Every structure is written in C-alpha cells, then in structure tokens.
C-alpha cells in the first residue's frame, strides 16, 4: 500500500465500478433474458471510462488544492504565475509531499536550534560586554566621587585619582575602538593596504616594542632559529596588530620566566607563521570558543589583566579578511601554539620595511 500512487487508486476505483456494472447487467440478463451483447459488455466498459474520468478530475483537484496550500506554507519564496504548482496523479505525490514536509520540518528545527544558539551567544556577549565596561566605569565613578567629597583640594590625591580615572577611561576607549574594528571587519568595510614587506623584520620590531612588558614577567621573546628576510604580501599594519596581540597574550597569560617563540614555514606560495609559548595551556573544551568576543579561559585568564578581551577575535577577523586561516593547538601544562598563514610576496613589486619604508 505504501508504494501505491493516486493513479492506481483511480484505476482501481474505475475497475471496481466497471465490475459492479457488469454484475448488474448479468443480473438484468438473468431476470429479463435476451439482453444484447453490446449492452452487456459495452455498458460496463463505458461506465469504467466515465468513472475513471470523474475520479481523476475530482481527486486531482482535491489533492492539488490541499498540496498547493501545504507548499505555500513551507516554500520560502513567493510562488509566481510561471511557477504554478501542478501535481500529476501518475507521480507518488503523497510520498513527495511527505518527504518535502519532513525536510522543511528538519530545516525549521535546525533554524530554531541555530537561533537558540545565537540567543545564548547574544546574552553571553551582552553580559561580558557589561562586565568589561562595568569595572572601569565604577572605578571612574569612585574616583570622581572621592574628588568631589574633598579629595580635589588634596594635591597628592587629586592627581593620583585623575590619573587612575584616565587609565580607566582609556580602557573603555580601547574596548569601543576594538568593537568598532570588529564591526568593520565583519561588514568587510575595512580597507586592506596590501604591500610586500619583510615579516621577519616586522616581528623583530614588535619584539623590541614588547621587550619591557616581557621583562616584567621574565618571558623571553625569540625566533626558533635565525631567519633571513621572508617577504609576504599583506596589510603591514594589520599583520603587525595580529602579531602584537598574539605576543601580548603569551606575555600576559604565560608562565613567569617562560619563553615565546616565533617560527616561519614556507610552503609553495604560502607563508605559515607560528607563535608558541610554554604557558599553562588551554583546555580542549575551551579551544572552539577561544576566538569569540570577550571569551576568556577563567582558570588561566584573569579579567583584571590583559586587554579588552577582543584581541583574539580581532586577530581572527584580520586573518580571514586576508583570505587566510588561523588555528590554535594547546596542551594543558605544556603550552599553546597559534598558527596563521599569509600569501608569499611576489618579489617583483616594491618591498616595504616593517616601518613602511620602501627598501626595494
């Protein structure tokens, strides 16, 4: 029965009608005798043909009307006149409709699950954003109230508190600037200034800029081995931001007296960059969410230190805006390695140093 098509039901109904008509003719022939043969065989056949037409017309219209209503409900786009839905009884339209409805239901369930995930992410994001802004705002509020309540007349107190309020204000500005940058990256409205430059020299410059921060924690920044010039084609400023964020993370969240190494691999036209540390590592369950906004691994990342909480999210967007990928592998107690790729420089165009000076 499951494999029956509507046309089979119509044919079956017509055959039953024809058979019943033939039995009626036999009964009449038995009672009245001498009925013509053309009537005995022609009338059942004609009845079968007529009943087939009647059944076909009414059943087709009945099914089409209801299936059209069903398809109008589950179809995403508007149905135009040229796309009028027509169903043939020679097809297994019930099974097709059942399959389409099941597929539509599965898509809706998937969409609902995705919306639930987005809602959870939105709630968590807003909670994290409120937490990140709340700390500096409350600090500023406390300093201002202290100054208004008499601290303003004390020269030692007023300058100290104003400096602290200024630092808290800078933190808020950094968070807002990072959010603005992520928004532009997601909207693909951020202009990338592609140039050929030496990424080894760029990394050395960032090492120098972060030397004091690294020394405060006793962390050594170094290359895994001596490298000659490696030319890449990318936005120099944005890649500098990527390397800076990754190196700052290794300093803030690394072990005291630890080491952070940078490695380069050249494979065909791709330059792979690795930033590795021997810090506390990241639990495997946290790695998939590591690049989310404000997401922190609480056991190893304190909200009171570090940047805006948006650094890795910005890094991911910058690398992806270059058409490349970034990944992380980590083992708790061993350390973490961030890996991203860039296009190799052509060598025929002008080459710029990390400070933007044309060197070739």
Protein backbone atom coordinates (compact mmCIF):
# COMPACT_ATOMS: atom_id res chain seq x y z
CA UNK A 1 0.00 0.00 0.00
CA UNK A 2 2.88 2.38 0.70
CA UNK A 3 4.04 2.23 -2.93
CA UNK A 4 0.61 3.00 -4.40
CA UNK A 5 0.26 6.18 -6.43
CA UNK A 6 -3.01 8.17 -6.73
CA UNK A 7 -3.43 6.96 -10.31
CA UNK A 8 -3.54 3.37 -9.02
CA UNK A 9 -6.43 4.29 -6.71
CA UNK A 10 -8.30 5.93 -9.61
CA UNK A 11 -7.75 2.88 -11.83
CA UNK A 12 -8.80 0.57 -9.03
CA UNK A 13 -11.96 2.55 -8.37
CA UNK A 14 -12.81 2.56 -12.08
CA UNK A 15 -12.22 -1.20 -12.32
CA UNK A 16 -14.48 -1.86 -9.34
CA UNK A 17 -17.20 0.35 -10.88
CA UNK A 18 -16.87 -1.48 -14.20
CA UNK A 19 -17.06 -4.87 -12.46
CA UNK A 20 -20.14 -3.89 -10.43
CA UNK A 21 -21.82 -2.62 -13.59
CA UNK A 22 -21.07 -5.92 -15.32
CA UNK A 23 -22.62 -7.83 -12.39
CA UNK A 24 -25.71 -5.62 -12.62
CA UNK A 25 -26.00 -6.36 -16.36
CA UNK A 26 -25.70 -10.10 -15.67
CA UNK A 27 -28.47 -9.83 -13.08
CA UNK A 28 -30.71 -7.97 -15.52
CA UNK A 29 -29.94 -10.50 -18.26
CA UNK A 30 -30.82 -13.36 -15.90
CA UNK A 31 -34.12 -11.68 -14.99
CA UNK A 32 -35.25 -10.28 -18.31
CA UNK A 33 -33.27 -12.50 -20.74
CA UNK A 34 -32.09 -11.72 -24.26
CA UNK A 35 -30.12 -8.53 -23.49
CA UNK A 36 -27.88 -7.57 -26.44
CA UNK A 37 -24.23 -8.48 -26.10
CA UNK A 38 -23.05 -4.95 -26.91
CA UNK A 39 -25.01 -3.76 -23.89
CA UNK A 40 -23.65 -6.48 -21.63
CA UNK A 41 -20.03 -5.66 -22.42
CA UNK A 42 -20.17 -2.10 -23.75
CA UNK A 43 -22.06 -0.56 -20.83
CA UNK A 44 -19.57 -1.75 -18.12
CA UNK A 45 -16.65 -0.58 -20.27
CA UNK A 46 -18.26 2.83 -20.86
CA UNK A 47 -19.07 3.10 -17.15
CA UNK A 48 -15.43 2.34 -16.31
CA UNK A 49 -14.20 5.04 -18.69
CA UNK A 50 -16.63 7.62 -17.33
CA UNK A 51 -15.89 6.75 -13.70
CA UNK A 52 -12.15 6.96 -14.42
CA UNK A 53 -12.60 10.47 -15.80
CA UNK A 54 -14.78 11.54 -12.91
CA UNK A 55 -12.47 10.08 -10.27
CA UNK A 56 -9.40 11.51 -11.97
CA UNK A 57 -10.87 15.02 -12.19
CA UNK A 58 -12.19 15.28 -8.64
CA UNK A 59 -9.31 13.51 -6.89
CA UNK A 60 -6.73 15.53 -8.82
CA UNK A 61 -8.39 18.82 -7.91
CA UNK A 62 -8.87 17.72 -4.30
CA UNK A 63 -5.22 16.74 -3.85
CA UNK A 64 -3.85 19.70 -5.81
CA UNK A 65 -5.81 22.23 -3.78
CA UNK A 66 -4.53 20.85 -0.50
CA UNK A 67 -0.95 20.28 -1.63
CA UNK A 68 -0.78 23.82 -3.03
CA UNK A 69 -1.82 25.15 0.37
CA UNK A 70 0.82 22.96 2.02
CA UNK A 71 3.57 24.04 -0.39
CA UNK A 72 2.62 27.70 0.01
CA UNK A 73 3.18 27.27 3.74
CA UNK A 74 6.57 25.56 3.54
CA UNK A 75 8.03 27.31 0.50
CA UNK A 76 10.43 30.16 1.28
CA UNK A 77 9.91 32.27 -1.83
CA UNK A 78 6.73 33.67 -3.35
CA UNK A 79 5.10 31.47 -5.99
CA UNK A 80 4.70 33.32 -9.29
CA UNK A 81 2.29 32.51 -12.08
CA UNK A 82 5.06 30.93 -14.12
CA UNK A 83 5.89 28.68 -11.17
CA UNK A 84 2.32 27.47 -10.60
CA UNK A 85 2.37 24.21 -8.70
CA UNK A 86 0.90 21.31 -10.68
CA UNK A 87 0.87 17.77 -9.38
CA UNK A 88 0.32 14.71 -11.51
CA UNK A 89 -1.59 11.67 -10.19
CA UNK A 90 0.89 9.49 -12.05
CA UNK A 91 3.53 10.53 -9.50
CA UNK A 92 3.76 9.46 -5.89
CA UNK A 93 2.79 12.96 -4.83
CA UNK A 94 1.79 11.97 -1.31
CA UNK A 95 5.23 10.49 -0.64
CA UNK A 96 6.86 13.51 -2.30
CA UNK A 97 4.81 15.90 -0.17
CA UNK A 98 5.63 13.87 2.93
CA UNK A 99 9.34 14.00 2.10
CA UNK A 100 9.23 17.74 1.37
CA UNK A 101 7.33 18.41 4.59
CA UNK A 102 9.79 16.32 6.60
CA UNK A 103 12.70 18.20 5.01
CA UNK A 104 11.00 21.53 5.77
CA UNK A 105 10.42 20.48 9.39
CA UNK A 106 14.07 19.44 9.78
CA UNK A 107 15.19 22.81 8.37
CA UNK A 108 12.92 24.60 10.84
CA UNK A 109 14.27 22.57 13.75
CA UNK A 110 17.82 23.34 12.62
CA UNK A 111 16.95 27.02 12.26
CA UNK A 112 15.37 27.06 15.72
CA UNK A 113 18.47 25.44 17.23
CA UNK A 114 20.67 27.97 15.45
CA UNK A 115 18.53 30.85 16.72
CA UNK A 116 18.71 29.46 20.24
CA UNK A 117 22.50 29.30 19.98
CA UNK A 118 22.60 32.89 18.70
CA UNK A 119 20.31 33.99 21.53
CA UNK A 120 22.61 32.32 24.08
CA UNK A 121 25.63 33.91 22.43
CA UNK A 122 23.89 37.31 22.42
CA UNK A 123 23.06 37.05 26.12
CA UNK A 124 26.58 35.94 26.97
CA UNK A 125 28.10 38.65 24.78
CA UNK A 126 26.00 41.40 26.38
CA UNK A 127 26.84 40.04 29.83
CA UNK A 128 30.56 40.01 29.03
CA UNK A 129 30.41 43.48 27.49
CA UNK A 130 28.60 44.82 30.57
CA UNK A 131 31.22 43.22 32.81
CA UNK A 132 34.12 44.61 30.79
CA UNK A 133 32.66 48.15 30.87
CA UNK A 134 31.35 47.99 34.42
CA UNK A 135 34.78 47.72 36.08
CA UNK A 136 36.35 50.88 34.57
CA UNK A 137 33.06 52.83 34.81
CA UNK A 138 32.71 52.04 38.52
CA UNK A 139 36.36 52.95 39.04
CA UNK A 140 35.86 56.33 37.36
CA UNK A 141 32.70 56.90 39.37
CA UNK A 142 34.52 56.12 42.63
CA UNK A 143 37.45 58.41 41.86
CA UNK A 144 35.17 61.31 40.86
CA UNK A 145 33.03 60.94 43.99
CA UNK A 146 36.15 60.93 46.16
CA UNK A 147 37.39 64.11 44.48
CA UNK A 148 34.00 65.81 44.86
CA UNK A 149 33.84 64.90 48.53
CA UNK A 150 37.03 66.76 49.36
CA UNK A 151 39.85 64.94 47.60
CA UNK A 152 40.01 67.66 44.98
CA UNK A 153 41.71 70.02 47.44
CA UNK A 154 44.43 67.46 48.24
CA UNK A 155 47.09 67.83 45.53
CA UNK A 156 48.54 64.35 46.07
CA UNK A 157 45.14 62.65 46.00
CA UNK A 158 43.55 64.60 43.15
CA UNK A 159 46.40 63.96 40.69
CA UNK A 160 46.64 60.27 41.59
CA UNK A 161 42.89 59.73 41.24
CA UNK A 162 42.71 61.69 38.00
CA UNK A 163 45.50 59.53 36.55
CA UNK A 164 43.65 56.37 37.59
CA UNK A 165 40.40 57.69 36.13
CA UNK A 166 42.26 58.49 32.91
CA UNK A 167 43.55 54.90 32.71
CA UNK A 168 40.02 53.55 33.24
CA UNK A 169 38.78 55.89 30.51
CA UNK A 170 41.50 54.62 28.17
CA UNK A 171 40.33 51.07 28.82
CA UNK A 172 36.76 51.97 27.83
CA UNK A 173 38.04 53.72 24.69
CA UNK A 174 40.11 50.65 23.77
CA UNK A 175 37.08 48.37 24.16
CA UNK A 176 34.92 50.63 21.98
CA UNK A 177 37.64 51.00 19.32
CA UNK A 178 38.11 47.23 19.22
CA UNK A 179 34.36 46.68 18.90
CA UNK A 180 34.23 49.23 16.09
CA UNK A 181 37.09 47.48 14.31
CA UNK A 182 35.44 44.06 14.61
CA UNK A 183 32.18 45.51 13.25
CA UNK A 184 34.03 46.90 10.21
CA UNK A 185 35.85 43.61 9.68
CA UNK A 186 32.60 41.64 9.83
CA UNK A 187 30.96 44.07 7.41
CA UNK A 188 34.02 43.76 5.12
CA UNK A 189 34.21 47.55 5.03
CA UNK A 190 37.76 47.76 6.37
CA UNK A 191 40.24 48.68 3.65
CA UNK A 192 43.33 46.48 3.45
CA UNK A 193 46.50 48.12 2.13
CA UNK A 194 48.38 45.23 0.52
CA UNK A 195 52.16 45.60 0.28
CA UNK A 196 55.22 43.38 0.10
CA UNK A 197 57.18 43.52 3.35
CA UNK A 198 59.64 41.51 5.42
CA UNK A 199 57.68 39.75 8.17
CA UNK A 200 60.89 38.76 9.98
CA UNK A 201 61.84 42.42 10.37
CA UNK A 202 58.27 43.23 11.44
CA UNK A 203 58.45 40.58 14.15
CA UNK A 204 61.79 41.93 15.39
CA UNK A 205 60.26 45.39 15.68
CA UNK A 206 57.36 44.01 17.74
CA UNK A 207 59.83 42.09 19.94
CA UNK A 208 61.54 45.43 20.66
CA UNK A 209 58.25 47.18 21.41
CA UNK A 210 57.19 44.47 23.86
CA UNK A 211 60.60 43.94 25.44
CA UNK A 212 59.78 45.84 28.65
CA UNK A 213 56.47 44.04 29.14
CA UNK A 214 58.18 40.69 28.60
CA UNK A 215 60.98 41.52 31.05
CA UNK A 216 58.48 42.41 33.77
CA UNK A 217 57.33 38.79 33.72
CA UNK A 218 60.68 37.29 32.83
CA UNK A 219 59.41 35.99 29.48
CA UNK A 220 61.88 35.68 26.62
CA UNK A 221 60.71 36.56 23.09
CA UNK A 222 62.74 34.88 20.37
CA UNK A 223 62.81 33.16 16.98
CA UNK A 224 63.05 29.37 16.89
CA UNK A 225 66.15 29.82 14.66
CA UNK A 226 67.88 32.59 12.67
CA UNK A 227 65.80 33.69 9.67
CA UNK A 228 66.74 35.70 6.63
CA UNK A 229 64.21 38.04 5.05
CA UNK A 230 60.80 36.47 4.34
CA UNK A 231 58.62 38.61 2.10
CA UNK A 232 54.84 38.40 2.43
CA UNK A 233 52.05 40.30 0.69
CA UNK A 234 49.51 41.63 3.17
CA UNK A 235 48.41 44.72 5.08
CA UNK A 236 51.52 45.52 7.13
CA UNK A 237 49.68 47.43 9.85
CA UNK A 238 47.03 44.76 10.33
CA UNK A 239 49.55 41.91 10.45
CA UNK A 240 51.54 43.91 13.00
CA UNK A 241 48.37 44.05 15.06
CA UNK A 242 47.94 40.28 14.74
CA UNK A 243 51.49 39.55 15.89
CA UNK A 244 51.24 42.12 18.69
CA UNK A 245 48.01 40.63 20.05
CA UNK A 246 49.36 37.08 19.94
CA UNK A 247 52.64 38.05 21.62
CA UNK A 248 50.88 40.15 24.29
CA UNK A 249 48.62 37.17 25.04
CA UNK A 250 51.67 34.95 25.52
CA UNK A 251 53.13 37.54 27.92
CA UNK A 252 50.02 38.21 29.97
CA UNK A 253 48.88 34.62 30.26
CA UNK A 254 52.22 32.79 30.10
CA UNK A 255 54.23 31.37 32.96
CA UNK A 256 56.80 33.55 34.69
CA UNK A 257 60.30 33.00 33.29
CA UNK A 258 58.71 31.39 30.24
CA UNK A 259 59.55 31.54 26.55
CA UNK A 260 57.63 32.61 23.46
CA UNK A 261 58.94 31.51 20.07
CA UNK A 262 58.01 32.59 16.56
CA UNK A 263 58.54 30.20 13.63
CA UNK A 264 58.10 30.58 9.88
CA UNK A 265 57.47 27.88 7.28
CA UNK A 266 57.48 28.41 3.51
CA UNK A 267 55.29 26.01 1.53
CA UNK A 268 54.85 26.94 -2.14
CA UNK A 269 53.21 30.40 -2.18
CA UNK A 270 52.09 30.31 1.45
CA UNK A 271 54.00 31.56 4.49
CA UNK A 272 52.92 29.88 7.73
CA UNK A 273 53.59 31.75 10.99
CA UNK A 274 53.56 30.07 14.40
CA UNK A 275 53.58 31.80 17.79
CA UNK A 276 54.27 29.27 20.56
CA UNK A 277 54.61 29.58 24.31
CA UNK A 278 55.28 27.20 27.18
CA UNK A 279 52.50 28.64 29.33
CA UNK A 280 49.70 26.88 31.23
CA UNK A 281 47.93 25.80 28.05
CA UNK A 282 44.22 25.78 27.24
CA UNK A 283 41.74 23.02 27.95
CA UNK A 284 40.50 21.31 24.79
CA UNK A 285 36.86 22.17 25.60
CA UNK A 286 37.65 25.89 25.52
CA UNK A 287 39.54 25.96 22.22
CA UNK A 288 36.47 26.12 19.89
CA UNK A 289 35.31 29.32 21.62
CA UNK A 290 38.70 30.93 22.04
CA UNK A 291 38.18 33.46 19.22
CA UNK A 292 34.78 34.66 20.48
CA UNK A 293 34.41 38.23 21.71
CA UNK A 294 35.29 38.62 25.39
CA UNK A 295 35.64 34.87 25.85
CA UNK A 296 38.24 34.05 28.47
CA UNK A 297 39.51 30.81 29.92
CA UNK A 298 38.85 31.72 33.53
CA UNK A 299 41.39 29.37 35.10
CA UNK A 300 44.26 30.91 33.21
CA UNK A 301 42.94 34.32 32.19
CA UNK A 302 42.12 36.99 34.71
CA UNK A 303 39.71 39.74 33.65
CA UNK A 304 41.71 42.28 35.60
CA UNK A 305 44.75 41.85 33.38
CA UNK A 306 45.25 41.80 29.67
CA UNK A 307 43.50 43.86 27.02
CA UNK A 308 39.91 44.43 26.04
CA UNK A 309 39.08 40.74 25.69
CA UNK A 310 38.63 41.26 21.95
CA UNK A 311 42.21 40.67 20.80
CA UNK A 312 41.86 37.11 19.51
CA UNK A 313 38.53 37.91 17.87
CA UNK A 314 40.18 40.80 16.00
CA UNK A 315 43.11 38.57 15.06
CA UNK A 316 40.75 36.00 13.54
CA UNK A 317 38.85 38.62 11.54
CA UNK A 318 42.04 40.23 10.22
CA UNK A 319 43.50 36.92 9.04
CA UNK A 320 40.19 35.85 7.47
CA UNK A 321 39.87 39.23 5.73
CA UNK A 322 43.18 38.36 4.04
CA UNK A 323 41.56 35.15 2.77
CA UNK A 324 43.66 33.04 5.17
CA UNK A 325 43.03 30.97 8.31
CA UNK A 326 44.19 30.89 11.91
CA UNK A 327 44.14 27.94 14.29
CA UNK A 328 45.35 27.01 17.76
CA UNK A 329 46.59 23.82 19.33
CA UNK A 330 47.24 23.58 23.02
CA UNK A 331 48.03 21.11 25.80
CA UNK A 332 47.35 21.91 29.43
CA UNK A 333 50.65 22.24 31.30
CA UNK A 334 52.70 22.29 28.08
CA UNK A 335 51.72 25.45 26.20
CA UNK A 336 49.86 26.81 23.20
CA UNK A 337 50.65 27.46 19.55
CA UNK A 338 48.75 29.87 17.31
CA UNK A 339 49.23 29.29 13.58
CA UNK A 340 48.18 31.53 10.70
CA UNK A 341 49.05 31.78 7.02
CA UNK A 342 49.82 34.61 4.60
CA UNK A 343 50.48 34.92 0.89
CA UNK A 344 54.13 34.92 -0.15
CA UNK A 345 55.34 38.19 -1.65
CA UNK A 346 55.91 38.26 -5.38
CA UNK A 347 59.36 39.87 -5.18
CA UNK A 348 58.66 41.88 -8.35
CA UNK A 349 56.73 44.65 -6.65
CA UNK A 350 58.10 47.25 -4.27
CA UNK A 351 59.12 45.83 -0.87
CA UNK A 352 58.50 47.81 2.30
CA UNK A 353 60.14 47.50 5.68
CA UNK A 354 58.03 46.99 8.77
CA UNK A 355 58.07 50.77 9.27
CA UNK A 356 56.59 51.38 5.84
CA UNK A 357 59.84 52.47 4.18
CA UNK A 358 60.35 51.20 0.64
CA UNK A 359 63.53 49.10 0.55
CA UNK A 360 63.31 47.62 -2.92
